Amino acid sequence: MAIKKEKATPRQDVVRRLKIAQGHVGKIIQMVEDGTYCIDIMQQTSAVRSAIKKAEEVLLLNHLNHCVVNAIKNNGKDKAIEELVQVFRKTV
């Protein structure tokens, strides 16, 4: 019988993705210090951006599903909306 693997919590997923990005950054630093071909370095920086973007997606989804829902239930809708607008202004 197969062992059922537990699904990671959003926090665990974000930490895992950020650790992936952290590992890539370490590799990028080493590559720059070693004088690695620029295109190869840029491919690694792209991987970092991708890992961070995926972490942000998990954070946003979790925030919407929990924090925003709770805010709406507790009459904090306007504050929750303003927080999201501020984040999008900074990231877009």
N, C-alpha and C. Protein backbone atom coordinates (compact mmCIF):
# COMPACT_ATOMS: atom_id res chain seq x y z
N MET A 1 0.83 -1.17 0.00
CA MET A 1 0.00 0.00 0.00
C MET A 1 0.89 1.25 0.00
N ALA A 2 0.51 2.25 -0.80
CA ALA A 2 1.29 3.47 -0.91
C ALA A 2 1.08 4.36 0.31
N ILE A 3 2.15 5.03 0.70
CA ILE A 3 2.07 5.96 1.83
C ILE A 3 1.55 7.29 1.31
N LYS A 4 0.50 7.79 1.96
CA LYS A 4 -0.08 9.06 1.54
C LYS A 4 0.74 10.21 2.11
N LYS A 5 1.18 11.08 1.23
CA LYS A 5 2.00 12.21 1.63
C LYS A 5 1.08 13.37 2.03
N GLU A 6 1.36 13.96 3.19
CA GLU A 6 0.57 15.10 3.64
C GLU A 6 0.87 16.31 2.79
N LYS A 7 -0.18 17.07 2.50
CA LYS A 7 -0.02 18.29 1.72
C LYS A 7 0.63 19.36 2.60
N ALA A 8 1.57 20.06 2.02
CA ALA A 8 2.26 21.13 2.76
C ALA A 8 1.29 22.27 3.06
N THR A 9 1.48 22.89 4.21
CA THR A 9 0.70 24.08 4.53
C THR A 9 1.20 25.23 3.66
N PRO A 10 0.41 26.28 3.50
CA PRO A 10 0.90 27.44 2.73
C PRO A 10 2.22 27.98 3.28
N ARG A 11 2.36 28.02 4.61
CA ARG A 11 3.60 28.52 5.20
C ARG A 11 4.79 27.63 4.80
N GLN A 12 4.60 26.32 4.88
CA GLN A 12 5.66 25.39 4.49
C GLN A 12 6.01 25.55 3.01
N ASP A 13 4.99 25.74 2.19
CA ASP A 13 5.21 25.91 0.75
C ASP A 13 6.00 27.18 0.47
N VAL A 14 5.63 28.28 1.14
CA VAL A 14 6.35 29.54 0.94
C VAL A 14 7.80 29.41 1.40
N VAL A 15 8.02 28.81 2.56
CA VAL A 15 9.39 28.63 3.07
C VAL A 15 10.20 27.80 2.09
N ARG A 16 9.61 26.73 1.58
CA ARG A 16 10.32 25.87 0.62
C ARG A 16 10.71 26.66 -0.62
N ARG A 17 9.79 27.44 -1.14
CA ARG A 17 10.07 28.22 -2.35
C ARG A 17 11.14 29.29 -2.09
N LEU A 18 11.09 29.92 -0.93
CA LEU A 18 12.10 30.94 -0.60
C LEU A 18 13.47 30.32 -0.38
N LYS A 19 13.51 29.12 0.16
CA LYS A 19 14.79 28.43 0.31
C LYS A 19 15.37 28.07 -1.05
N ILE A 20 14.50 27.73 -1.99
CA ILE A 20 14.96 27.48 -3.36
C ILE A 20 15.59 28.75 -3.92
N ALA A 21 14.91 29.89 -3.74
CA ALA A 21 15.45 31.16 -4.21
C ALA A 21 16.77 31.47 -3.53
N GLN A 22 16.84 31.22 -2.24
CA GLN A 22 18.07 31.46 -1.47
C GLN A 22 19.22 30.63 -2.04
N GLY A 23 18.94 29.39 -2.35
CA GLY A 23 19.97 28.53 -2.94
C GLY A 23 20.45 29.05 -4.28
N HIS A 24 19.51 29.54 -5.08
CA HIS A 24 19.87 30.11 -6.38
C HIS A 24 20.73 31.36 -6.21
N VAL A 25 20.39 32.19 -5.22
CA VAL A 25 21.17 33.42 -5.00
C VAL A 25 22.60 33.07 -4.62
N GLY A 26 22.77 32.10 -3.76
CA GLY A 26 24.13 31.65 -3.41
C GLY A 26 24.90 31.20 -4.64
N LYS A 27 24.22 30.46 -5.50
CA LYS A 27 24.84 29.98 -6.74
C LYS A 27 25.21 31.17 -7.64
N ILE A 28 24.32 32.16 -7.71
CA ILE A 28 24.58 33.34 -8.55
C ILE A 28 25.81 34.09 -8.05
N ILE A 29 25.90 34.28 -6.75
CA ILE A 29 27.06 34.98 -6.18
C ILE A 29 28.35 34.25 -6.55
N GLN A 30 28.34 32.93 -6.39
CA GLN A 30 29.52 32.14 -6.73
C GLN A 30 29.85 32.26 -8.22
N MET A 31 28.82 32.25 -9.04
CA MET A 31 29.02 32.34 -10.49
C MET A 31 29.65 33.69 -10.86
N VAL A 32 29.16 34.77 -10.24
CA VAL A 32 29.72 36.10 -10.52
C VAL A 32 31.18 36.16 -10.07
N GLU A 33 31.44 35.65 -8.87
CA GLU A 33 32.81 35.65 -8.36
C GLU A 33 33.74 34.84 -9.25
N ASP A 34 33.22 33.76 -9.83
CA ASP A 34 34.03 32.90 -10.70
C ASP A 34 34.14 33.41 -12.13
N GLY A 35 33.41 34.47 -12.46
CA GLY A 35 33.45 35.01 -13.81
C GLY A 35 32.68 34.16 -14.82
N THR A 36 31.62 33.52 -14.37
CA THR A 36 30.80 32.68 -15.23
C THR A 36 30.16 33.52 -16.34
N TYR A 37 29.91 32.88 -17.45
CA TYR A 37 29.28 33.50 -18.62
C TYR A 37 27.99 34.21 -18.20
N CYS A 38 27.83 35.46 -18.63
CA CYS A 38 26.72 36.31 -18.18
C CYS A 38 25.34 35.69 -18.42
N ILE A 39 25.16 35.07 -19.56
CA ILE A 39 23.86 34.47 -19.88
C ILE A 39 23.51 33.37 -18.88
N ASP A 40 24.50 32.60 -18.48
CA ASP A 40 24.27 31.56 -17.48
C ASP A 40 23.84 32.17 -16.15
N ILE A 41 24.45 33.28 -15.80
CA ILE A 41 24.08 33.97 -14.56
C ILE A 41 22.65 34.50 -14.67
N MET A 42 22.31 35.06 -15.80
CA MET A 42 20.97 35.60 -15.99
C MET A 42 19.90 34.51 -15.93
N GLN A 43 20.23 33.32 -16.36
CA GLN A 43 19.28 32.21 -16.25
C GLN A 43 19.01 31.89 -14.78
N GLN A 44 20.04 31.99 -13.97
CA GLN A 44 19.86 31.76 -12.54
C GLN A 44 19.05 32.88 -11.88
N THR A 45 19.28 34.13 -12.30
CA THR A 45 18.49 35.23 -11.73
C THR A 45 17.02 35.08 -12.12
N SER A 46 16.77 34.55 -13.29
CA SER A 46 15.40 34.28 -13.72
C SER A 46 14.76 33.23 -12.82
N ALA A 47 15.52 32.22 -12.45
CA ALA A 47 15.01 31.18 -11.56
C ALA A 47 14.65 31.76 -10.19
N VAL A 48 15.45 32.72 -9.71
CA VAL A 48 15.16 33.37 -8.43
C VAL A 48 13.85 34.14 -8.52
N ARG A 49 13.70 34.92 -9.58
CA ARG A 49 12.45 35.68 -9.75
C ARG A 49 11.25 34.74 -9.80
N SER A 50 11.40 33.63 -10.49
CA SER A 50 10.31 32.67 -10.61
C SER A 50 9.95 32.07 -9.24
N ALA A 51 10.94 31.70 -8.46
CA ALA A 51 10.68 31.12 -7.14
C ALA A 51 10.00 32.13 -6.23
N ILE A 52 10.43 33.38 -6.28
CA ILE A 52 9.82 34.42 -5.46
C ILE A 52 8.40 34.70 -5.92
N LYS A 53 8.20 34.75 -7.22
CA LYS A 53 6.85 34.98 -7.76
C LYS A 53 5.89 33.88 -7.29
N LYS A 54 6.34 32.64 -7.33
CA LYS A 54 5.49 31.54 -6.89
C LYS A 54 5.21 31.64 -5.39
N ALA A 55 6.20 32.05 -4.62
CA ALA A 55 5.99 32.23 -3.17
C ALA A 55 4.95 33.33 -2.94
N GLU A 56 5.05 34.41 -3.70
CA GLU A 56 4.09 35.51 -3.57
C GLU A 56 2.68 35.05 -3.93
N GLU A 57 2.56 34.20 -4.94
CA GLU A 57 1.25 33.69 -5.33
C GLU A 57 0.62 32.88 -4.20
N VAL A 58 1.43 32.04 -3.55
CA VAL A 58 0.92 31.24 -2.43
C VAL A 58 0.53 32.16 -1.28
N LEU A 59 1.35 33.16 -0.99
CA LEU A 59 1.03 34.12 0.08
C LEU A 59 -0.27 34.85 -0.21
N LEU A 60 -0.43 35.33 -1.43
CA LEU A 60 -1.63 36.07 -1.79
C LEU A 60 -2.87 35.19 -1.69
N LEU A 61 -2.80 34.00 -2.22
CA LEU A 61 -3.94 33.09 -2.16
C LEU A 61 -4.33 32.80 -0.71
N ASN A 62 -3.34 32.53 0.12
CA ASN A 62 -3.61 32.27 1.54
C ASN A 62 -4.21 33.50 2.21
N HIS A 63 -3.68 34.66 1.88
CA HIS A 63 -4.19 35.91 2.46
C HIS A 63 -5.65 36.12 2.07
N LEU A 64 -5.95 35.92 0.80
CA LEU A 64 -7.32 36.10 0.33
C LEU A 64 -8.28 35.10 0.99
N ASN A 65 -7.83 33.86 1.09
CA ASN A 65 -8.70 32.81 1.63
C ASN A 65 -8.92 32.91 3.13
N HIS A 66 -7.99 33.55 3.83
CA HIS A 66 -8.11 33.58 5.29
C HIS A 66 -8.24 35.00 5.83
N CYS A 67 -7.23 35.80 5.66
CA CYS A 67 -7.22 37.14 6.26
C CYS A 67 -8.32 38.04 5.70
N VAL A 68 -8.47 38.04 4.38
CA VAL A 68 -9.48 38.91 3.77
C VAL A 68 -10.88 38.41 4.11
N VAL A 69 -11.07 37.11 4.04
CA VAL A 69 -12.39 36.54 4.40
C VAL A 69 -12.74 36.91 5.84
N ASN A 70 -11.79 36.76 6.75
CA ASN A 70 -12.04 37.12 8.15
C ASN A 70 -12.30 38.61 8.32
N ALA A 71 -11.58 39.43 7.57
CA ALA A 71 -11.79 40.88 7.65
C ALA A 71 -13.20 41.24 7.18
N ILE A 72 -13.65 40.61 6.12
CA ILE A 72 -15.00 40.89 5.61
C ILE A 72 -16.05 40.47 6.64
N LYS A 73 -15.85 39.33 7.25
CA LYS A 73 -16.79 38.85 8.27
C LYS A 73 -16.83 39.77 9.49
N ASN A 74 -15.71 40.45 9.77
CA ASN A 74 -15.60 41.29 10.97
C ASN A 74 -15.62 42.78 10.65
N ASN A 75 -16.25 43.15 9.56
CA ASN A 75 -16.41 44.56 9.15
C ASN A 75 -15.08 45.27 8.90
N GLY A 76 -14.06 44.53 8.48
CA GLY A 76 -12.77 45.15 8.16
C GLY A 76 -12.50 45.14 6.67
N LYS A 77 -13.56 45.08 5.88
CA LYS A 77 -13.43 44.98 4.42
C LYS A 77 -12.61 46.13 3.83
N ASP A 78 -12.90 47.36 4.23
CA ASP A 78 -12.22 48.52 3.64
C ASP A 78 -10.71 48.47 3.89
N LYS A 79 -10.32 48.11 5.11
CA LYS A 79 -8.89 48.02 5.43
C LYS A 79 -8.22 46.92 4.61
N ALA A 80 -8.89 45.77 4.50
CA ALA A 80 -8.32 44.66 3.73
C ALA A 80 -8.14 45.05 2.26
N ILE A 81 -9.11 45.74 1.72
CA ILE A 81 -9.02 46.17 0.32
C ILE A 81 -7.88 47.17 0.16
N GLU A 82 -7.77 48.11 1.07
CA GLU A 82 -6.70 49.13 0.99
C GLU A 82 -5.33 48.48 1.07
N GLU A 83 -5.17 47.49 1.94
CA GLU A 83 -3.89 46.78 2.04
C GLU A 83 -3.53 46.11 0.71
N LEU A 84 -4.49 45.47 0.09
CA LEU A 84 -4.24 44.80 -1.19
C LEU A 84 -3.89 45.81 -2.27
N VAL A 85 -4.59 46.94 -2.30
CA VAL A 85 -4.31 47.98 -3.29
C VAL A 85 -2.88 48.50 -3.10
N GLN A 86 -2.47 48.73 -1.87
CA GLN A 86 -1.11 49.21 -1.60
C GLN A 86 -0.06 48.21 -2.07
N VAL A 87 -0.29 46.94 -1.83
CA VAL A 87 0.66 45.91 -2.26
C VAL A 87 0.75 45.88 -3.79
N PHE A 88 -0.39 45.93 -4.46
CA PHE A 88 -0.38 45.90 -5.91
C PHE A 88 0.28 47.14 -6.50
N ARG A 89 0.13 48.28 -5.87
CA ARG A 89 0.78 49.50 -6.35
C ARG A 89 2.31 49.33 -6.31
N LYS A 90 2.81 48.65 -5.31
CA LYS A 90 4.26 48.46 -5.17
C LYS A 90 4.80 47.39 -6.10
N THR A 91 3.98 46.40 -6.43
CA THR A 91 4.48 45.27 -7.20
C THR A 91 4.18 45.34 -8.69
N VAL A 92 3.24 46.15 -9.06
CA VAL A 92 2.86 46.20 -10.49
C VAL A 92 3.44 47.41 -11.15
